């Protein structure tokens, strides 16, 4: 199914009685809904940008009760049934029961409606703020699906500095998304949206494939030693059936050396520790390494370190940025480093912006640092050319 359709004025999007295979979100222009019952024609409204049509039939499985016609040149986006059903199945059971009850009532009313009676309004323009928020999320989800299919997501790479070797030893892969007319979408916004749905898995696979392409190109260009690239992965992705094997299979096909790929666990809830630990052990046997991201903030807790064997612990940037103006922040960094070393894990400190901070990290015995001092996230070309590594090492002094 085409995700986006362009309609000319007067063109019919769907006809009354057609099967409901998807709903449509109006992106541009206006679409009118009309229903014909005997000699009576009922106008259901004129729908403009940001409004949804056809969702009732889609959820209930009934044919379209109206004909949708573009009243001006228009662009509409398909919203597939899976997008509704996935969220509905994840909703509170009481909410699901209410929705099923309402759909059943609508079907009964439609079935008992006199042929010459007034038509039921299956679709009406939305005015409520809460409904508008839902429509906006639905639009963004559909656009994200489109971006995955078209390759519109960009993977950038932020340098990670090897403090002892005094060079850029690797990168963290960060996914970015720019929408025409809107600009950059906050990663926190679209990653959170992906995690609410099954999209988090294909997003992770998309990023992983781009990263492996860069690593293979670096190896073929004769880069020795090969830098390690870290890919963010939620625990939900990690324990998704078959996901770990897919990751390992991709790495094996790429014929990369052990340690070339690091998986950063970013999930706020670690799910079942035993399950995650088993998957980690399997991946590690194939040469993959694991890092616990943003330790010290959010949902991170000591149980993660107790139950799971991480190769690296990443100290959240909030601590590094306040090391010299807050004795408590400095004490926290020192404590985390001591604990990580006692567990046999390396430490990566995020948020490093000055050489003074870098010097203190060296004194603490921290192995790696990441932050604006060494460079912001750059396009793959800067990694492949070696420019990102040269600039990062020069900035560190």
Protein backbone atom coordinates (compact mmCIF):
# COMPACT_ATOMS: atom_id res chain seq x y z
CA UNK A 1 0.00 0.00 0.00
CA UNK A 2 1.27 3.49 -0.85
CA UNK A 3 1.86 5.39 2.36
CA UNK A 4 1.22 8.77 0.75
CA UNK A 5 -1.20 9.67 -2.05
CA UNK A 6 -1.55 12.86 -4.02
CA UNK A 7 -5.09 13.66 -5.15
CA UNK A 8 -6.28 16.08 -7.78
CA UNK A 9 -9.36 18.19 -7.09
CA UNK A 10 -12.41 16.01 -7.75
CA UNK A 11 -10.52 12.72 -7.40
CA UNK A 12 -12.15 10.03 -5.26
CA UNK A 13 -10.05 8.54 -2.45
CA UNK A 14 -12.52 5.79 -1.56
CA UNK A 15 -16.19 5.08 -2.27
CA UNK A 16 -19.09 4.21 -0.03
CA UNK A 17 -19.15 0.42 0.33
CA UNK A 18 -15.45 -0.07 -0.40
CA UNK A 19 -13.60 -2.27 2.12
CA UNK A 20 -11.82 -0.35 4.91
CA UNK A 21 -8.17 -1.31 4.46
CA UNK A 22 -6.71 1.80 6.09
CA UNK A 23 -7.59 5.20 7.51
CA UNK A 24 -6.30 8.40 5.94
CA UNK A 25 -4.69 11.44 7.49
CA UNK A 26 -5.09 14.64 5.47
CA UNK A 27 -1.73 16.34 5.04
CA UNK A 28 -2.64 19.08 2.57
CA UNK A 29 -5.80 20.31 0.88
CA UNK A 30 -9.37 19.31 1.75
CA UNK A 31 -11.36 16.10 1.38
CA UNK A 32 -15.17 15.95 1.63
CA UNK A 33 -17.16 12.97 2.90
CA UNK A 34 -20.61 12.30 1.45
CA UNK A 35 -23.03 9.44 2.12
CA UNK A 36 -25.92 8.45 -0.11
CA UNK A 37 -28.89 6.56 1.39
CA UNK A 38 -31.68 6.13 -1.12
CA UNK A 39 -32.56 9.60 -2.40
CA UNK A 40 -30.88 11.32 0.53
CA UNK A 41 -27.31 12.65 0.33
CA UNK A 42 -25.69 13.59 3.63
CA UNK A 43 -22.62 15.77 3.88
CA UNK A 44 -20.35 14.55 6.69
CA UNK A 45 -17.95 17.44 6.55
CA UNK A 46 -14.92 18.92 4.91
CA UNK A 47 -11.66 17.58 6.33
CA UNK A 48 -8.44 19.58 6.22
CA UNK A 49 -4.79 19.19 7.23
CA UNK A 50 -4.27 17.13 10.37
CA UNK A 51 -7.68 15.44 10.33
CA UNK A 52 -8.40 11.73 10.12
CA UNK A 53 -10.98 9.95 7.97
CA UNK A 54 -12.04 6.32 7.72
CA UNK A 55 -10.90 5.24 11.19
CA UNK A 56 -14.25 3.88 12.39
CA UNK A 57 -14.60 1.43 9.53
CA UNK A 58 -10.95 0.46 9.85
CA UNK A 59 -11.28 -0.48 13.52
CA UNK A 60 -14.60 -2.24 13.16
CA UNK A 61 -13.94 -3.92 9.83
CA UNK A 62 -17.06 -2.48 8.21
CA UNK A 63 -17.01 -1.09 4.64
CA UNK A 64 -16.70 2.66 4.21
CA UNK A 65 -19.99 4.38 4.95
CA UNK A 66 -19.09 7.44 2.90
CA UNK A 67 -17.39 8.50 -0.30
CA UNK A 68 -14.27 10.65 0.12
CA UNK A 69 -13.61 13.19 -2.62
CA UNK A 70 -10.80 15.75 -2.84
CA UNK A 71 -12.26 19.26 -3.07
CA UNK A 72 -8.85 20.71 -3.87
CA UNK A 73 -5.49 19.24 -4.73
CA UNK A 74 -4.64 17.22 -1.64
CA UNK A 75 -2.08 14.92 -0.07
CA UNK A 76 -3.17 12.14 2.31
CA UNK A 77 -1.20 9.59 4.32
CA UNK A 78 -2.32 6.03 4.94
CA UNK A 79 -2.66 4.91 8.55
CA UNK A 80 -2.67 1.12 8.65
CA UNK A 81 -4.90 -0.94 10.89
CA UNK A 82 -1.85 -2.37 12.68
CA UNK A 83 -1.06 1.09 14.06
CA UNK A 84 -4.46 1.23 15.77
CA UNK A 85 -4.60 -2.39 16.84
CA UNK A 86 -1.12 -2.42 18.36
CA UNK A 87 -1.89 0.53 20.60
CA UNK A 88 -5.36 -0.78 21.44
CA UNK A 89 -3.98 -4.17 22.49
CA UNK A 90 -1.44 -2.44 24.73
CA UNK A 91 -4.10 -0.27 26.35
CA UNK A 92 -5.83 -0.82 29.67
CA UNK A 93 -8.35 -3.72 29.41
CA UNK A 94 -11.16 -1.41 30.51
CA UNK A 95 -10.35 1.00 27.67
CA UNK A 96 -10.30 -1.87 25.17
CA UNK A 97 -13.69 -3.02 26.43
CA UNK A 98 -15.14 0.48 26.04
CA UNK A 99 -13.83 0.79 22.48
CA UNK A 100 -15.19 -2.65 21.53
CA UNK A 101 -18.54 -1.72 23.07
CA UNK A 102 -18.73 1.55 21.15
CA UNK A 103 -17.81 -0.14 17.88
CA UNK A 104 -20.48 -2.78 18.45
CA UNK A 105 -23.06 -0.08 19.12
CA UNK A 106 -22.11 1.79 15.94
CA UNK A 107 -22.45 -1.39 13.87
CA UNK A 108 -25.88 -2.08 15.37
CA UNK A 109 -27.06 1.46 14.63
CA UNK A 110 -25.80 1.27 11.06
CA UNK A 111 -27.43 -2.14 10.48
CA UNK A 112 -30.81 -0.92 11.80
CA UNK A 113 -30.75 2.44 10.06
CA UNK A 114 -33.73 3.01 7.72
CA UNK A 115 -32.72 3.34 4.08
CA UNK A 116 -34.24 6.83 3.91
CA UNK A 117 -33.17 7.85 7.39
CA UNK A 118 -30.57 10.40 8.35
CA UNK A 119 -27.07 9.03 7.95
CA UNK A 120 -24.90 8.42 11.00
CA UNK A 121 -21.83 10.56 11.20
CA UNK A 122 -18.98 8.07 11.08
CA UNK A 123 -16.28 10.71 10.68
CA UNK A 124 -16.36 14.26 11.99
CA UNK A 125 -13.66 16.93 12.05
CA UNK A 126 -11.80 16.84 15.36
CA UNK A 127 -11.68 19.91 17.56
CA UNK A 128 -10.67 18.61 21.00
CA UNK A 129 -7.03 19.36 22.06
CA UNK A 130 -6.49 15.80 23.33
CA UNK A 131 -7.73 14.40 20.05
CA UNK A 132 -5.41 16.73 18.16
CA UNK A 133 -2.45 15.45 20.18
CA UNK A 134 -3.38 11.89 19.26
CA UNK A 135 -3.68 12.84 15.58
CA UNK A 136 -0.24 14.50 15.70
CA UNK A 137 1.34 11.37 17.21
CA UNK A 138 -0.36 9.24 14.59
CA UNK A 139 0.97 11.48 11.84
CA UNK A 140 4.50 11.31 13.26
CA UNK A 141 4.31 7.52 13.54
CA UNK A 142 3.20 7.24 9.91
CA UNK A 143 5.99 9.59 8.83
CA UNK A 144 8.50 7.50 10.77
CA UNK A 145 7.34 4.38 8.95
CA UNK A 146 7.75 6.28 5.69
CA UNK A 147 11.26 7.43 6.72
CA UNK A 148 12.31 3.84 7.41
CA UNK A 149 11.12 2.74 3.97
CA UNK A 150 12.71 5.67 2.14
CA UNK A 151 15.98 5.70 4.10
CA UNK A 152 15.39 9.23 5.39
CA UNK A 153 16.86 8.56 8.84
CA UNK A 154 20.47 9.70 9.14
CA UNK A 155 23.04 8.00 11.35
CA UNK A 156 25.74 10.31 12.73
CA UNK A 157 28.80 9.45 14.74
CA UNK A 158 30.14 11.16 17.87
CA UNK A 159 33.84 10.53 18.60
CA UNK A 160 34.89 8.61 21.72
CA UNK A 161 38.41 9.51 22.92
CA UNK A 162 40.82 6.84 24.15
CA UNK A 163 42.51 8.70 27.01
CA UNK A 164 45.56 6.44 27.41
CA UNK A 165 46.24 6.15 23.66
CA UNK A 166 45.50 9.87 23.10
CA UNK A 167 43.45 9.23 19.99
CA UNK A 168 39.86 8.72 18.88
CA UNK A 169 39.26 5.06 19.57
CA UNK A 170 35.63 4.77 18.49
CA UNK A 171 32.28 6.42 17.96
CA UNK A 172 28.73 6.34 19.22
CA UNK A 173 26.09 6.02 16.50
CA UNK A 174 23.24 8.51 16.92
CA UNK A 175 20.17 8.50 14.71
CA UNK A 176 18.79 11.82 13.46
CA UNK A 177 15.63 12.63 11.53
CA UNK A 178 14.73 15.82 9.68
CA UNK A 179 11.20 16.40 8.39
CA UNK A 180 10.48 18.78 5.50
CA UNK A 181 8.80 21.88 6.87
CA UNK A 182 9.59 20.99 10.47
CA UNK A 183 13.32 20.42 10.64
CA UNK A 184 15.04 18.15 13.14
CA UNK A 185 12.75 15.93 15.18
CA UNK A 186 14.01 15.48 18.72
CA UNK A 187 15.54 11.98 19.08
CA UNK A 188 13.86 11.73 22.48
CA UNK A 189 10.49 12.27 20.80
CA UNK A 190 10.73 9.83 17.92
CA UNK A 191 12.67 7.15 19.80
CA UNK A 192 10.04 7.27 22.56
CA UNK A 193 7.36 6.97 19.86
CA UNK A 194 9.18 4.00 18.33
CA UNK A 195 9.45 2.31 21.73
CA UNK A 196 5.67 2.63 22.18
CA UNK A 197 5.19 0.51 19.06
CA UNK A 198 6.93 -2.29 17.20
CA UNK A 199 8.88 0.34 15.24
CA UNK A 200 11.75 0.27 17.74
CA UNK A 201 12.93 -3.04 16.22
CA UNK A 202 13.18 -1.87 12.58
CA UNK A 203 14.71 1.43 13.72
CA UNK A 204 17.40 -0.52 15.57
CA UNK A 205 18.03 -2.75 12.56
CA UNK A 206 18.24 0.30 10.30
CA UNK A 207 20.90 1.93 12.49
CA UNK A 208 22.82 -1.32 12.88
CA UNK A 209 22.98 -1.83 9.10
CA UNK A 210 24.33 1.71 8.55
CA UNK A 211 26.96 1.20 11.26
CA UNK A 212 28.13 -2.10 9.83
CA UNK A 213 28.46 -0.49 6.40
CA UNK A 214 30.79 2.13 7.91
CA UNK A 215 32.85 -0.47 9.79
CA UNK A 216 33.25 -2.62 6.66
CA UNK A 217 34.32 0.44 4.63
CA UNK A 218 36.89 1.37 7.30
CA UNK A 219 38.28 -2.16 7.34
CA UNK A 220 38.51 -2.30 3.55
CA UNK A 221 40.32 1.04 3.58
CA UNK A 222 42.99 -0.50 5.79
CA UNK A 223 42.20 1.26 9.07
CA UNK A 224 44.15 -0.44 11.85
CA UNK A 225 43.17 -0.74 14.58
CA UNK A 226 39.54 -0.66 13.57
CA UNK A 227 37.55 1.78 15.74
CA UNK A 228 34.70 0.43 17.82
CA UNK A 229 31.25 1.85 17.15
CA UNK A 230 28.56 1.76 19.83
CA UNK A 231 24.91 1.26 18.86
CA UNK A 232 22.08 2.08 21.27
CA UNK A 233 19.78 -0.86 21.84
CA UNK A 234 16.84 -1.12 24.20
CA UNK A 235 16.38 -4.22 26.31
CA UNK A 236 13.09 -4.70 24.48
CA UNK A 237 15.01 -4.98 21.20
CA UNK A 238 17.62 -7.25 22.73
CA UNK A 239 15.11 -9.84 23.92
CA UNK A 240 12.85 -9.61 20.87
CA UNK A 241 12.65 -13.18 19.50
CA UNK A 242 15.42 -13.67 16.97
CA UNK A 243 16.82 -10.16 17.34
CA UNK A 244 20.09 -11.18 19.01
CA UNK A 245 20.71 -13.83 16.37
CA UNK A 246 20.06 -11.26 13.65
CA UNK A 247 22.64 -8.93 15.20
CA UNK A 248 25.21 -11.73 15.45
CA UNK A 249 24.47 -12.90 11.91
CA UNK A 250 24.95 -9.38 10.55
CA UNK A 251 28.29 -9.06 12.33
CA UNK A 252 29.42 -12.47 11.08
CA UNK A 253 28.49 -11.61 7.49
CA UNK A 254 30.48 -8.41 7.79
CA UNK A 255 33.50 -10.44 9.00
CA UNK A 256 34.35 -7.87 11.64
CA UNK A 257 36.91 -8.47 14.38
CA UNK A 258 35.82 -8.94 17.99
CA UNK A 259 35.14 -5.64 19.74
CA UNK A 260 34.29 -3.69 16.59
CA UNK A 261 30.67 -3.38 17.70
CA UNK A 262 29.44 -2.36 21.15
CA UNK A 263 25.79 -2.53 22.13
CA UNK A 264 24.69 0.19 24.55
CA UNK A 265 21.71 -0.82 26.66
CA UNK A 266 19.45 2.20 27.06
CA UNK A 267 16.19 0.66 28.23
CA UNK A 268 14.91 2.27 31.42
CA UNK A 269 13.38 -1.05 32.48
CA UNK A 270 15.66 -4.02 32.17
CA UNK A 271 12.82 -6.53 31.81
CA UNK A 272 13.80 -10.04 32.92
CA UNK A 273 17.41 -9.98 34.11
CA UNK A 274 17.95 -13.69 33.47
CA UNK A 275 16.70 -13.38 29.90
CA UNK A 276 18.78 -10.27 29.17
CA UNK A 277 21.88 -11.86 30.75
CA UNK A 278 21.50 -14.99 28.60
CA UNK A 279 21.21 -12.95 25.42
CA UNK A 280 24.21 -10.82 26.40
CA UNK A 281 26.31 -13.93 27.04
CA UNK A 282 25.38 -15.36 23.65
CA UNK A 283 26.29 -12.11 21.86
CA UNK A 284 29.52 -11.71 23.82
CA UNK A 285 30.64 -15.18 22.73
CA UNK A 286 30.49 -13.83 19.17
CA UNK A 287 32.74 -10.86 19.95
CA UNK A 288 30.17 -8.19 20.82
CA UNK A 289 30.65 -5.94 23.84
CA UNK A 290 28.06 -4.27 26.07
CA UNK A 291 27.87 -0.88 27.68
CA UNK A 292 25.42 0.45 30.29
CA UNK A 293 24.40 3.89 29.08
CA UNK A 294 23.77 7.01 31.20
CA UNK A 295 24.59 5.35 34.49
CA UNK A 296 23.65 7.42 37.52
CA UNK A 297 20.45 8.97 36.15
CA UNK A 298 16.94 7.96 35.23
CA UNK A 299 16.03 4.35 35.99
CA UNK A 300 19.60 3.08 36.27
CA UNK A 301 20.28 1.23 39.50
CA UNK A 302 22.87 -1.01 41.11
CA UNK A 303 20.83 -4.12 40.28
CA UNK A 304 21.84 -3.62 36.63
CA UNK A 305 25.50 -3.94 37.57
CA UNK A 306 24.90 -6.80 39.99
CA UNK A 307 22.89 -8.96 37.58
CA UNK A 308 24.39 -8.05 34.20
CA UNK A 309 27.99 -8.27 33.05
CA UNK A 310 28.79 -5.00 31.26
CA UNK A 311 32.12 -4.32 29.55
CA UNK A 312 31.71 -0.56 29.96
CA UNK A 313 29.77 1.82 32.16
CA UNK A 314 28.99 5.23 30.73
CA UNK A 315 28.91 8.01 33.32
CA UNK A 316 26.12 10.44 32.51
CA UNK A 317 27.17 13.85 31.23
CA UNK A 318 25.49 15.60 34.17
CA UNK A 319 28.36 14.55 36.46
CA UNK A 320 31.25 15.51 34.16
CA UNK A 321 29.82 18.95 33.49
CA UNK A 322 29.64 19.75 37.20
CA UNK A 323 32.80 18.06 38.45
CA UNK A 324 34.58 21.33 39.27
CA UNK A 325 31.66 23.38 40.55
CA UNK A 326 30.13 20.64 42.70
CA UNK A 327 32.18 18.53 45.12
CA UNK A 328 29.25 16.12 45.27
CA UNK A 329 29.37 15.59 41.51
CA UNK A 330 33.12 14.96 41.70
CA UNK A 331 32.58 12.48 44.54
CA UNK A 332 29.94 10.67 42.49
CA UNK A 333 32.29 10.35 39.51
CA UNK A 334 35.06 8.99 41.74
CA UNK A 335 32.67 6.49 43.36
CA UNK A 336 31.29 5.25 40.03
CA UNK A 337 34.80 4.84 38.63
CA UNK A 338 35.98 2.90 41.69
CA UNK A 339 32.91 0.65 41.55
CA UNK A 340 33.28 0.00 37.80
CA UNK A 341 36.95 -0.87 38.16
CA UNK A 342 36.15 -3.22 41.03
CA UNK A 343 33.69 -5.00 38.73
CA UNK A 344 36.24 -5.23 35.95
CA UNK A 345 34.38 -2.80 33.67
CA UNK A 346 35.82 0.08 31.70
CA UNK A 347 34.46 3.62 32.10
CA UNK A 348 33.34 6.10 29.47
CA UNK A 349 32.61 9.61 30.76
CA UNK A 350 30.14 11.63 28.71
CA UNK A 351 29.77 15.40 28.52
CA UNK A 352 33.49 16.30 28.47
CA UNK A 353 33.86 19.85 27.16
CA UNK A 354 37.22 21.12 28.47
CA UNK A 355 40.82 19.94 28.66
CA UNK A 356 40.68 20.54 32.40
CA UNK A 357 37.94 17.92 32.70
CA UNK A 358 39.93 15.56 30.50
CA UNK A 359 43.03 15.94 32.69
CA UNK A 360 41.01 15.07 35.81
CA UNK A 361 39.54 12.01 34.11
CA UNK A 362 43.06 10.87 33.25
CA UNK A 363 44.05 11.23 36.91
CA UNK A 364 41.05 9.10 37.91
CA UNK A 365 42.11 6.33 35.56
CA UNK A 366 39.06 6.65 33.29
CA UNK A 367 39.69 4.95 29.95
CA UNK A 368 37.43 6.84 27.54
CA UNK A 369 35.75 10.22 27.23
CA UNK A 370 33.04 11.60 25.01
CA UNK A 371 31.75 15.13 24.55
CA UNK A 372 31.93 18.35 22.59
CA UNK A 373 35.65 18.72 23.32
CA UNK A 374 36.28 15.90 20.85
CA UNK A 375 33.51 16.79 18.44
CA UNK A 376 29.79 16.68 17.89
CA UNK A 377 28.05 13.91 15.99
CA UNK A 378 29.18 13.98 12.34
CA UNK A 379 28.13 12.36 9.10
CA UNK A 380 29.61 9.03 8.04
CA UNK A 381 31.82 10.76 5.47
CA UNK A 382 33.86 12.49 8.19
CA UNK A 383 34.49 9.11 9.85
CA UNK A 384 35.47 7.39 6.61
CA UNK A 385 37.84 10.18 5.61
CA UNK A 386 39.50 10.18 9.04
CA UNK A 387 38.72 13.87 9.54
CA UNK A 388 36.61 13.28 12.65
CA UNK A 389 39.43 11.29 14.28
CA UNK A 390 42.05 13.92 13.41
CA UNK A 391 39.93 16.82 14.65
CA UNK A 392 39.05 15.02 17.89
CA UNK A 393 42.65 14.14 18.71
CA UNK A 394 43.84 17.67 17.93
CA UNK A 395 41.15 19.22 20.16
CA UNK A 396 42.19 17.03 23.06
CA UNK A 397 45.77 18.32 22.79
